[in-house]
């Protein structure tokens, strides 16, 4: 439990980051473009820019970054990992190269924040909502990334984390959307699960390896 003794300001800021931005994620960018090309053709619509979302939360003198990323993406030993989940197929999660991690990182960094678009977006200055966001992070449903195990209608991914946190903590999410001309796959899945199963899921234990 995060303490509720606040000193100073409280805030929740949303960042929209182009998928695959940053110098070490060219593979993610390329795969995202291929994915969007296929889904756009299947859906008979124009291609869109794809976005990944992250939060920066301030509570008095403390600042936290909240994000989902591959477990191997940053070497910092104290990066606030609170839970992990598998990527692609549940059994693949036994290997660290097929696991994601959820970070609640005190004084942390969002590696590609310099490339964020229409960001930050201030969502709240309410200390109660700030506290709720921070408390909820370890309870994120760690379903398999890229699949729809929770029957939410689309894949589960990093955008699902942010949408789930905001909806479950009482933020107004109805007006939130990625920058113009963009899509955030997985966002709706997070909203659906938060609304339909508000207290059903708890996070998995961190696997070894």
C-alpha atoms as a PDB file:
ATOM      1  CA  UNK A   1       0.000   0.000   0.000  1.00  0.00           C
ATOM      2  CA  UNK A   2       1.267   3.470  -0.922  1.00  0.00           C
ATOM      3  CA  UNK A   3       1.059   5.916   1.952  1.00  0.00           C
ATOM      4  CA  UNK A   4      -1.591   8.603   1.635  1.00  0.00           C
ATOM      5  CA  UNK A   5       0.415  11.336   3.341  1.00  0.00           C
ATOM      6  CA  UNK A   6       0.893  13.981   0.646  1.00  0.00           C
ATOM      7  CA  UNK A   7       3.361  16.813   0.686  1.00  0.00           C
ATOM      8  CA  UNK A   8       2.950  19.283  -2.152  1.00  0.00           C
ATOM      9  CA  UNK A   9       1.183  18.581  -5.415  1.00  0.00           C
ATOM     10  CA  UNK A  10      -0.499  15.491  -6.863  1.00  0.00           C
ATOM     11  CA  UNK A  11      -0.875  14.789 -10.574  1.00  0.00           C
ATOM     12  CA  UNK A  12      -1.419  12.128 -13.217  1.00  0.00           C
ATOM     13  CA  UNK A  13       0.036  12.835 -16.682  1.00  0.00           C
ATOM     14  CA  UNK A  14      -0.563  10.719 -19.796  1.00  0.00           C
ATOM     15  CA  UNK A  15       2.040  10.354 -22.550  1.00  0.00           C
ATOM     16  CA  UNK A  16       1.394   9.130 -26.106  1.00  0.00           C
ATOM     17  CA  UNK A  17       4.561   7.613 -27.594  1.00  0.00           C
ATOM     18  CA  UNK A  18       4.928   6.500 -31.227  1.00  0.00           C
ATOM     19  CA  UNK A  19       5.196   2.725 -31.246  1.00  0.00           C
ATOM     20  CA  UNK A  20       8.825   1.706 -31.592  1.00  0.00           C
ATOM     21  CA  UNK A  21      10.268   5.154 -30.898  1.00  0.00           C
ATOM     22  CA  UNK A  22      13.720   5.208 -29.399  1.00  0.00           C
ATOM     23  CA  UNK A  23      16.997   4.025 -30.839  1.00  0.00           C
ATOM     24  CA  UNK A  24      16.847   0.378 -29.749  1.00  0.00           C
ATOM     25  CA  UNK A  25      13.350  -0.633 -30.842  1.00  0.00           C
ATOM     26  CA  UNK A  26      13.492  -0.647 -34.670  1.00  0.00           C
ATOM     27  CA  UNK A  27      12.103  -4.199 -34.686  1.00  0.00           C
ATOM     28  CA  UNK A  28       9.041  -3.064 -32.732  1.00  0.00           C
ATOM     29  CA  UNK A  29       8.468  -0.182 -35.142  1.00  0.00           C
ATOM     30  CA  UNK A  30       8.746  -2.442 -38.191  1.00  0.00           C
ATOM     31  CA  UNK A  31       6.483  -5.146 -36.754  1.00  0.00           C
ATOM     32  CA  UNK A  32       3.954  -2.502 -35.769  1.00  0.00           C
ATOM     33  CA  UNK A  33       3.811  -1.146 -39.295  1.00  0.00           C
ATOM     34  CA  UNK A  34       3.310  -4.629 -40.705  1.00  0.00           C
ATOM     35  CA  UNK A  35       0.561  -5.306 -38.166  1.00  0.00           C
ATOM     36  CA  UNK A  36      -1.192  -2.024 -38.956  1.00  0.00           C
ATOM     37  CA  UNK A  37      -0.947  -2.612 -42.711  1.00  0.00           C
ATOM     38  CA  UNK A  38      -2.628  -6.006 -42.351  1.00  0.00           C
ATOM     39  CA  UNK A  39      -5.370  -4.861 -39.968  1.00  0.00           C
ATOM     40  CA  UNK A  40      -6.082  -1.737 -42.041  1.00  0.00           C
ATOM     41  CA  UNK A  41      -6.484  -3.803 -45.186  1.00  0.00           C
ATOM     42  CA  UNK A  42      -8.678  -6.322 -43.372  1.00  0.00           C
ATOM     43  CA  UNK A  43     -10.802  -3.517 -41.936  1.00  0.00           C
ATOM     44  CA  UNK A  44     -10.992  -1.594 -45.241  1.00  0.00           C
ATOM     45  CA  UNK A  45      -9.654   1.608 -43.673  1.00  0.00           C
ATOM     46  CA  UNK A  46      -6.609   3.856 -44.036  1.00  0.00           C
ATOM     47  CA  UNK A  47      -3.452   3.003 -42.117  1.00  0.00           C
ATOM     48  CA  UNK A  48      -2.899   4.846 -38.852  1.00  0.00           C
ATOM     49  CA  UNK A  49       0.097   5.725 -36.718  1.00  0.00           C
ATOM     50  CA  UNK A  50       0.337   3.385 -33.722  1.00  0.00           C
ATOM     51  CA  UNK A  51       0.896   4.669 -30.178  1.00  0.00           C
ATOM     52  CA  UNK A  52       2.078   3.242 -26.875  1.00  0.00           C
ATOM     53  CA  UNK A  53       0.984   4.973 -23.667  1.00  0.00           C
ATOM     54  CA  UNK A  54       2.646   5.591 -20.304  1.00  0.00           C
ATOM     55  CA  UNK A  55       1.944   7.562 -17.131  1.00  0.00           C
ATOM     56  CA  UNK A  56       3.932   9.905 -14.952  1.00  0.00           C
ATOM     57  CA  UNK A  57       2.435  10.237 -11.487  1.00  0.00           C
ATOM     58  CA  UNK A  58       3.505  12.768  -8.863  1.00  0.00           C
ATOM     59  CA  UNK A  59       2.666  12.516  -5.182  1.00  0.00           C
ATOM     60  CA  UNK A  60       4.177  15.349  -3.223  1.00  0.00           C
ATOM     61  CA  UNK A  61       7.942  15.103  -3.594  1.00  0.00           C
ATOM     62  CA  UNK A  62       7.712  11.616  -5.136  1.00  0.00           C
ATOM     63  CA  UNK A  63       7.487  11.010  -8.871  1.00  0.00           C
ATOM     64  CA  UNK A  64       6.726   7.653 -10.506  1.00  0.00           C
ATOM     65  CA  UNK A  65       6.684   6.455 -14.098  1.00  0.00           C
ATOM     66  CA  UNK A  66       4.250   3.656 -14.948  1.00  0.00           C
ATOM     67  CA  UNK A  67       4.762   1.624 -18.084  1.00  0.00           C
ATOM     68  CA  UNK A  68       4.788  -1.889 -19.547  1.00  0.00           C
ATOM     69  CA  UNK A  69       7.927  -3.019 -21.384  1.00  0.00           C
ATOM     70  CA  UNK A  70       9.952  -6.166 -22.183  1.00  0.00           C
ATOM     71  CA  UNK A  71      11.853  -7.430 -19.150  1.00  0.00           C
ATOM     72  CA  UNK A  72      15.116  -7.131 -21.070  1.00  0.00           C
ATOM     73  CA  UNK A  73      14.639  -3.568 -22.332  1.00  0.00           C
ATOM     74  CA  UNK A  74      16.365  -1.715 -19.460  1.00  0.00           C
ATOM     75  CA  UNK A  75      19.197  -3.000 -17.266  1.00  0.00           C
ATOM     76  CA  UNK A  76      18.528  -0.746 -14.251  1.00  0.00           C
ATOM     77  CA  UNK A  77      18.234  -3.101 -11.254  1.00  0.00           C
ATOM     78  CA  UNK A  78      15.826  -0.910  -9.264  1.00  0.00           C
ATOM     79  CA  UNK A  79      13.217  -0.019 -11.877  1.00  0.00           C
ATOM     80  CA  UNK A  80      10.100  -0.631  -9.827  1.00  0.00           C
ATOM     81  CA  UNK A  81       8.927  -3.927 -11.336  1.00  0.00           C
ATOM     82  CA  UNK A  82       5.719  -5.042  -9.601  1.00  0.00           C
ATOM     83  CA  UNK A  83       4.502  -7.880 -11.854  1.00  0.00           C
ATOM     84  CA  UNK A  84       5.281  -9.746 -15.064  1.00  0.00           C
ATOM     85  CA  UNK A  85       3.366 -11.589 -17.765  1.00  0.00           C
ATOM     86  CA  UNK A  86       3.999 -13.753 -20.835  1.00  0.00           C
ATOM     87  CA  UNK A  87       4.289 -12.560 -24.435  1.00  0.00           C
ATOM     88  CA  UNK A  88       2.632 -14.370 -27.337  1.00  0.00           C
ATOM     89  CA  UNK A  89       1.842 -17.680 -25.631  1.00  0.00           C
ATOM     90  CA  UNK A  90       1.529 -18.343 -21.918  1.00  0.00           C
ATOM     91  CA  UNK A  91       4.170 -21.103 -21.877  1.00  0.00           C
ATOM     92  CA  UNK A  92       6.697 -18.850 -23.606  1.00  0.00           C
ATOM     93  CA  UNK A  93       6.720 -16.704 -20.477  1.00  0.00           C
ATOM     94  CA  UNK A  94       9.064 -19.200 -18.849  1.00  0.00           C
ATOM     95  CA  UNK A  95      11.790 -17.543 -20.934  1.00  0.00           C
ATOM     96  CA  UNK A  96      12.711 -13.956 -20.039  1.00  0.00           C
ATOM     97  CA  UNK A  97      12.809 -12.985 -23.719  1.00  0.00           C
ATOM     98  CA  UNK A  98       9.069 -13.632 -23.871  1.00  0.00           C
ATOM     99  CA  UNK A  99       7.998 -11.757 -20.753  1.00  0.00           C
ATOM    100  CA  UNK A 100       6.848  -8.220 -20.168  1.00  0.00           C
ATOM    101  CA  UNK A 101       7.109  -6.306 -16.919  1.00  0.00           C
ATOM    102  CA  UNK A 102       4.938  -3.644 -15.330  1.00  0.00           C
ATOM    103  CA  UNK A 103       6.927  -0.847 -13.686  1.00  0.00           C
ATOM    104  CA  UNK A 104       5.954   1.581 -10.942  1.00  0.00           C
ATOM    105  CA  UNK A 105       9.334   3.250 -10.975  1.00  0.00           C
ATOM    106  CA  UNK A 106      10.124   5.917  -8.393  1.00  0.00           C
ATOM    107  CA  UNK A 107      12.161   8.696 -10.078  1.00  0.00           C
ATOM    108  CA  UNK A 108      12.090   6.512 -13.184  1.00  0.00           C
ATOM    109  CA  UNK A 109      12.393   7.329 -16.846  1.00  0.00           C
ATOM    110  CA  UNK A 110      10.243   6.731 -19.912  1.00  0.00           C
ATOM    111  CA  UNK A 111      13.011   5.959 -22.435  1.00  0.00           C
ATOM    112  CA  UNK A 112      11.325   7.496 -25.488  1.00  0.00           C
ATOM    113  CA  UNK A 113       9.589  10.412 -23.777  1.00  0.00           C
ATOM    114  CA  UNK A 114      11.339  12.971 -26.012  1.00  0.00           C
ATOM    115  CA  UNK A 115       9.322  11.627 -28.955  1.00  0.00           C
ATOM    116  CA  UNK A 116       5.924  11.832 -27.228  1.00  0.00           C
ATOM    117  CA  UNK A 117       3.132  13.476 -29.229  1.00  0.00           C
ATOM    118  CA  UNK A 118       0.541  15.893 -27.790  1.00  0.00           C
ATOM    119  CA  UNK A 119       1.945  15.131 -24.355  1.00  0.00           C
ATOM    120  CA  UNK A 120       1.850  15.307 -21.433  1.00  0.00           C
ATOM    121  CA  UNK A 121      -1.889  15.413 -20.888  1.00  0.00           C
ATOM    122  CA  UNK A 122      -2.773  16.313 -17.299  1.00  0.00           C
ATOM    123  CA  UNK A 123      -5.606  14.003 -16.254  1.00  0.00           C
ATOM    124  CA  UNK A 124      -5.931  14.718 -12.552  1.00  0.00           C
ATOM    125  CA  UNK A 125      -4.694  16.720  -9.590  1.00  0.00           C
ATOM    126  CA  UNK A 126      -6.812  14.749  -7.151  1.00  0.00           C
ATOM    127  CA  UNK A 127      -4.660  13.146  -4.393  1.00  0.00           C
ATOM    128  CA  UNK A 128      -7.201  10.346  -3.953  1.00  0.00           C
ATOM    129  CA  UNK A 129      -7.014   9.378  -7.625  1.00  0.00           C
ATOM    130  CA  UNK A 130      -3.219   9.612  -7.570  1.00  0.00           C
ATOM    131  CA  UNK A 131      -3.115   7.271  -4.589  1.00  0.00           C
ATOM    132  CA  UNK A 132      -5.526   4.884  -6.270  1.00  0.00           C
ATOM    133  CA  UNK A 133      -3.456   4.699  -9.453  1.00  0.00           C
ATOM    134  CA  UNK A 134      -0.295   3.877  -7.521  1.00  0.00           C
ATOM    135  CA  UNK A 135      -2.038   1.292  -5.360  1.00  0.00           C
ATOM    136  CA  UNK A 136      -3.605  -0.481  -8.342  1.00  0.00           C
ATOM    137  CA  UNK A 137      -0.463  -1.120 -10.393  1.00  0.00           C
ATOM    138  CA  UNK A 138       0.512  -4.461  -8.746  1.00  0.00           C
ATOM    139  CA  UNK A 139      -3.051  -5.747  -9.299  1.00  0.00           C
ATOM    140  CA  UNK A 140      -2.918  -5.377 -13.078  1.00  0.00           C
ATOM    141  CA  UNK A 141      -4.286  -8.536 -14.778  1.00  0.00           C
ATOM    142  CA  UNK A 142      -1.121 -10.057 -16.271  1.00  0.00           C
ATOM    143  CA  UNK A 143      -2.773 -11.792 -19.232  1.00  0.00           C
ATOM    144  CA  UNK A 144      -0.717 -12.866 -22.235  1.00  0.00           C
ATOM    145  CA  UNK A 145       0.514  -9.917 -24.306  1.00  0.00           C
ATOM    146  CA  UNK A 146      -0.877  -9.909 -27.843  1.00  0.00           C
ATOM    147  CA  UNK A 147      -3.815 -12.195 -27.108  1.00  0.00           C
ATOM    148  CA  UNK A 148      -7.404 -11.771 -25.906  1.00  0.00           C
ATOM    149  CA  UNK A 149      -7.534 -14.185 -22.978  1.00  0.00           C
ATOM    150  CA  UNK A 150      -9.900 -11.901 -21.037  1.00  0.00           C
ATOM    151  CA  UNK A 151     -12.401 -11.749 -23.916  1.00  0.00           C
ATOM    152  CA  UNK A 152     -12.237  -7.978 -24.155  1.00  0.00           C
ATOM    153  CA  UNK A 153     -12.483  -7.868 -27.938  1.00  0.00           C
ATOM    154  CA  UNK A 154      -8.876  -7.025 -28.768  1.00  0.00           C
ATOM    155  CA  UNK A 155      -5.304  -7.836 -27.805  1.00  0.00           C
ATOM    156  CA  UNK A 156      -3.885  -7.242 -24.320  1.00  0.00           C
ATOM    157  CA  UNK A 157      -0.799  -5.011 -24.245  1.00  0.00           C
ATOM    158  CA  UNK A 158       0.842  -1.894 -22.801  1.00  0.00           C
ATOM    159  CA  UNK A 159      -2.109   0.320 -23.699  1.00  0.00           C
ATOM    160  CA  UNK A 160      -4.377  -2.074 -21.813  1.00  0.00           C
ATOM    161  CA  UNK A 161      -2.327  -1.379 -18.674  1.00  0.00           C
ATOM    162  CA  UNK A 162      -2.752   2.391 -18.856  1.00  0.00           C
ATOM    163  CA  UNK A 163      -6.427   2.287 -19.833  1.00  0.00           C
ATOM    164  CA  UNK A 164      -7.170  -0.240 -17.058  1.00  0.00           C
ATOM    165  CA  UNK A 165      -5.401   1.863 -14.431  1.00  0.00           C
ATOM    166  CA  UNK A 166      -7.162   5.072 -15.420  1.00  0.00           C
ATOM    167  CA  UNK A 167     -10.613   3.507 -15.616  1.00  0.00           C
ATOM    168  CA  UNK A 168     -10.215   1.505 -12.395  1.00  0.00           C
ATOM    169  CA  UNK A 169      -8.983   4.592 -10.508  1.00  0.00           C
ATOM    170  CA  UNK A 170     -12.021   6.652 -11.461  1.00  0.00           C
ATOM    171  CA  UNK A 171     -10.573   8.894 -14.181  1.00  0.00           C
ATOM    172  CA  UNK A 172     -12.763  10.211 -16.992  1.00  0.00           C
ATOM    173  CA  UNK A 173     -11.560   8.043 -19.876  1.00  0.00           C
ATOM    174  CA  UNK A 174     -14.392   8.612 -22.345  1.00  0.00           C
ATOM    175  CA  UNK A 175     -12.685  11.568 -24.008  1.00  0.00           C
ATOM    176  CA  UNK A 176      -9.178  10.096 -24.109  1.00  0.00           C
ATOM    177  CA  UNK A 177      -7.793   9.045 -27.455  1.00  0.00           C
ATOM    178  CA  UNK A 178      -4.400   8.941 -29.192  1.00  0.00           C
ATOM    179  CA  UNK A 179      -3.191  11.876 -31.300  1.00  0.00           C
ATOM    180  CA  UNK A 180      -5.038  12.655 -34.509  1.00  0.00           C
ATOM    181  CA  UNK A 181      -4.573   9.997 -37.153  1.00  0.00           C
ATOM    182  CA  UNK A 182      -3.386   7.453 -34.601  1.00  0.00           C
ATOM    183  CA  UNK A 183      -4.555   4.259 -32.955  1.00  0.00           C
ATOM    184  CA  UNK A 184      -3.724   2.681 -29.606  1.00  0.00           C
ATOM    185  CA  UNK A 185      -4.383  -1.073 -29.943  1.00  0.00           C
ATOM    186  CA  UNK A 186      -5.261  -2.661 -26.626  1.00  0.00           C
ATOM    187  CA  UNK A 187      -6.689   0.520 -25.089  1.00  0.00           C
ATOM    188  CA  UNK A 188     -10.303  -0.580 -25.356  1.00  0.00           C
ATOM    189  CA  UNK A 189      -9.422  -3.963 -23.862  1.00  0.00           C
ATOM    190  CA  UNK A 190      -8.192  -2.265 -20.700  1.00  0.00           C
ATOM    191  CA  UNK A 191     -11.389  -0.236 -20.401  1.00  0.00           C
ATOM    192  CA  UNK A 192     -13.609  -3.282 -20.929  1.00  0.00           C
ATOM    193  CA  UNK A 193     -11.839  -5.365 -18.289  1.00  0.00           C
ATOM    194  CA  UNK A 194     -11.817  -2.501 -15.755  1.00  0.00           C
ATOM    195  CA  UNK A 195     -15.529  -1.955 -16.178  1.00  0.00           C
ATOM    196  CA  UNK A 196     -16.659  -5.584 -16.356  1.00  0.00           C
ATOM    197  CA  UNK A 197     -14.334  -7.083 -13.740  1.00  0.00           C
ATOM    198  CA  UNK A 198     -13.431  -4.242 -11.351  1.00  0.00           C
ATOM    199  CA  UNK A 199     -11.969  -6.389  -8.577  1.00  0.00           C
ATOM    200  CA  UNK A 200     -11.596  -9.867 -10.048  1.00  0.00           C
ATOM    201  CA  UNK A 201      -7.954  -9.974 -11.032  1.00  0.00           C
ATOM    202  CA  UNK A 202      -4.739  -9.951  -9.055  1.00  0.00           C
ATOM    203  CA  UNK A 203      -1.190  -9.842 -10.391  1.00  0.00           C
ATOM    204  CA  UNK A 204       0.957 -12.930 -10.848  1.00  0.00           C
ATOM    205  CA  UNK A 205       4.072 -13.610  -8.861  1.00  0.00           C
ATOM    206  CA  UNK A 206       7.339 -12.661 -10.529  1.00  0.00           C
ATOM    207  CA  UNK A 207       8.715 -15.773 -12.265  1.00  0.00           C
ATOM    208  CA  UNK A 208      12.283 -16.910 -11.817  1.00  0.00           C
ATOM    209  CA  UNK A 209      14.792 -16.746 -14.616  1.00  0.00           C
END
